[in-house]
Amino acid sequence: MTEFAAIDLGASSGRVVLGRFDGSVMALEECHRFPNRPVRLPDGLHWNLLHLFTEAVDALRGRRLDGVGVDTWGVDYARRTAATGVWRPLSRQGPAPR
């Protein structure tokens, strides 16, 4: 049996869904749901990536998975520095201000 996890990060909440495939049948189970609590900074709303990461890892801890996929809302994004490869801890949520 193969087991995968899908992490869905939405504007107001996130969830982790497990998918199990036995070769003929796929079964889905929501195993964790959590609030997305963005942080308001002077330049707009930012996702608290440390909170989201902690929630997702807690849901996956101890599982032996064959793969993990992550989906976010279409206009959210995170930045990574070229020099260090580190993700910016508070990434923008929603369209950039104009």
Protein backbone atom coordinates (compact mmCIF):
# COMPACT_ATOMS: atom_id res chain seq x y z
CA MET A 1 0.00 0.00 0.00
CA THR A 2 1.28 3.48 -0.84
CA GLU A 3 0.53 6.46 1.37
CA PHE A 4 0.81 10.11 0.42
CA ALA A 5 0.04 13.37 2.18
CA ALA A 6 -1.41 16.56 0.72
CA ILE A 7 -0.92 19.83 2.57
CA ASP A 8 -3.47 22.47 1.54
CA LEU A 9 -2.77 26.01 2.74
CA GLY A 10 -5.68 28.37 2.26
CA ALA A 11 -6.28 32.01 3.18
CA SER A 12 -8.02 31.17 6.47
CA SER A 13 -7.01 27.60 7.26
CA GLY A 14 -4.78 24.70 6.35
CA ARG A 15 -5.29 20.98 6.34
CA VAL A 16 -3.39 17.77 5.88
CA VAL A 17 -5.07 14.94 3.98
CA LEU A 18 -3.71 11.40 3.78
CA GLY A 19 -4.26 9.36 0.64
CA ARG A 20 -3.84 5.58 0.67
CA PHE A 21 -3.77 3.52 -2.51
CA ASP A 22 -3.92 -0.27 -2.34
CA GLY A 23 -3.52 -0.83 -6.07
CA SER A 24 -7.19 -0.47 -6.95
CA VAL A 25 -8.87 1.86 -4.44
CA MET A 26 -7.81 5.33 -3.26
CA ALA A 27 -8.97 6.33 0.24
CA LEU A 28 -8.69 9.91 1.54
CA GLU A 29 -8.71 11.00 5.17
CA GLU A 30 -8.39 14.50 6.57
CA CYS A 31 -6.05 14.03 9.52
CA HIS A 32 -5.45 17.62 10.63
CA ARG A 33 -6.99 21.07 10.17
CA PHE A 34 -5.53 24.27 11.57
CA PRO A 35 -6.07 28.04 11.33
CA ASN A 36 -3.92 30.19 9.09
CA ARG A 37 -3.13 33.22 11.23
CA PRO A 38 -1.44 35.78 9.01
CA VAL A 39 0.62 38.57 10.55
CA ARG A 40 -0.17 42.19 9.63
CA LEU A 41 2.96 44.23 9.00
CA PRO A 42 3.26 47.80 7.64
CA ASP A 43 3.57 46.50 4.07
CA GLY A 44 0.57 44.12 4.27
CA LEU A 45 -0.41 40.66 5.41
CA HIS A 46 2.26 37.98 5.63
CA TRP A 47 1.93 34.24 6.19
CA ASN A 48 3.51 32.99 9.38
CA LEU A 49 5.47 30.19 7.71
CA LEU A 50 6.90 28.93 10.99
CA HIS A 51 3.39 28.33 12.35
CA LEU A 52 2.21 26.65 9.13
CA PHE A 53 5.34 24.49 8.94
CA THR A 54 4.94 23.41 12.58
CA GLU A 55 1.30 22.43 12.06
CA ALA A 56 2.09 20.43 8.92
CA VAL A 57 5.09 18.64 10.45
CA ASP A 58 3.12 17.78 13.60
CA ALA A 59 0.44 16.16 11.43
CA LEU A 60 3.02 14.12 9.49
CA ARG A 61 5.29 13.16 12.38
CA GLY A 62 5.82 9.41 12.72
CA ARG A 63 4.22 8.53 9.37
CA ARG A 64 6.05 6.60 6.65
CA LEU A 65 4.99 8.35 3.47
CA ASP A 66 5.76 7.72 -0.19
CA GLY A 67 5.36 11.41 -1.03
CA VAL A 68 4.07 14.82 0.08
CA GLY A 69 2.49 17.59 -1.99
CA VAL A 70 1.80 21.19 -0.96
CA ASP A 71 -0.84 23.48 -2.46
CA THR A 72 -1.40 27.17 -1.64
CA TRP A 73 -3.84 29.81 -2.72
CA GLY A 74 -2.98 31.23 -6.14
CA VAL A 75 -1.55 34.67 -5.30
CA ASP A 76 0.41 33.79 -2.17
CA TYR A 77 4.12 33.37 -2.42
CA ALA A 78 7.30 32.97 -0.38
CA ARG A 79 10.75 34.30 -1.08
CA ARG A 80 14.02 32.47 -0.81
CA THR A 81 17.40 34.16 -0.70
CA ALA A 82 19.85 33.09 -3.39
CA ALA A 83 22.82 33.34 -1.03
CA THR A 84 21.52 31.16 1.81
CA GLY A 85 18.53 29.31 0.37
CA VAL A 86 16.56 30.30 3.48
CA TRP A 87 12.84 31.00 3.13
CA ARG A 88 11.72 34.38 4.41
CA PRO A 89 9.85 33.52 7.65
CA LEU A 90 6.92 35.88 7.04
CA SER A 91 5.89 35.68 3.41
CA ARG A 92 3.34 37.85 1.71
CA GLN A 93 -0.29 36.78 1.71
CA GLY A 94 -2.45 38.05 -1.12
CA PRO A 95 -1.62 40.49 -3.90
CA ALA A 96 1.21 42.95 -3.39
CA PRO A 97 0.06 46.45 -2.51
CA ARG A 98 0.07 48.89 -5.42
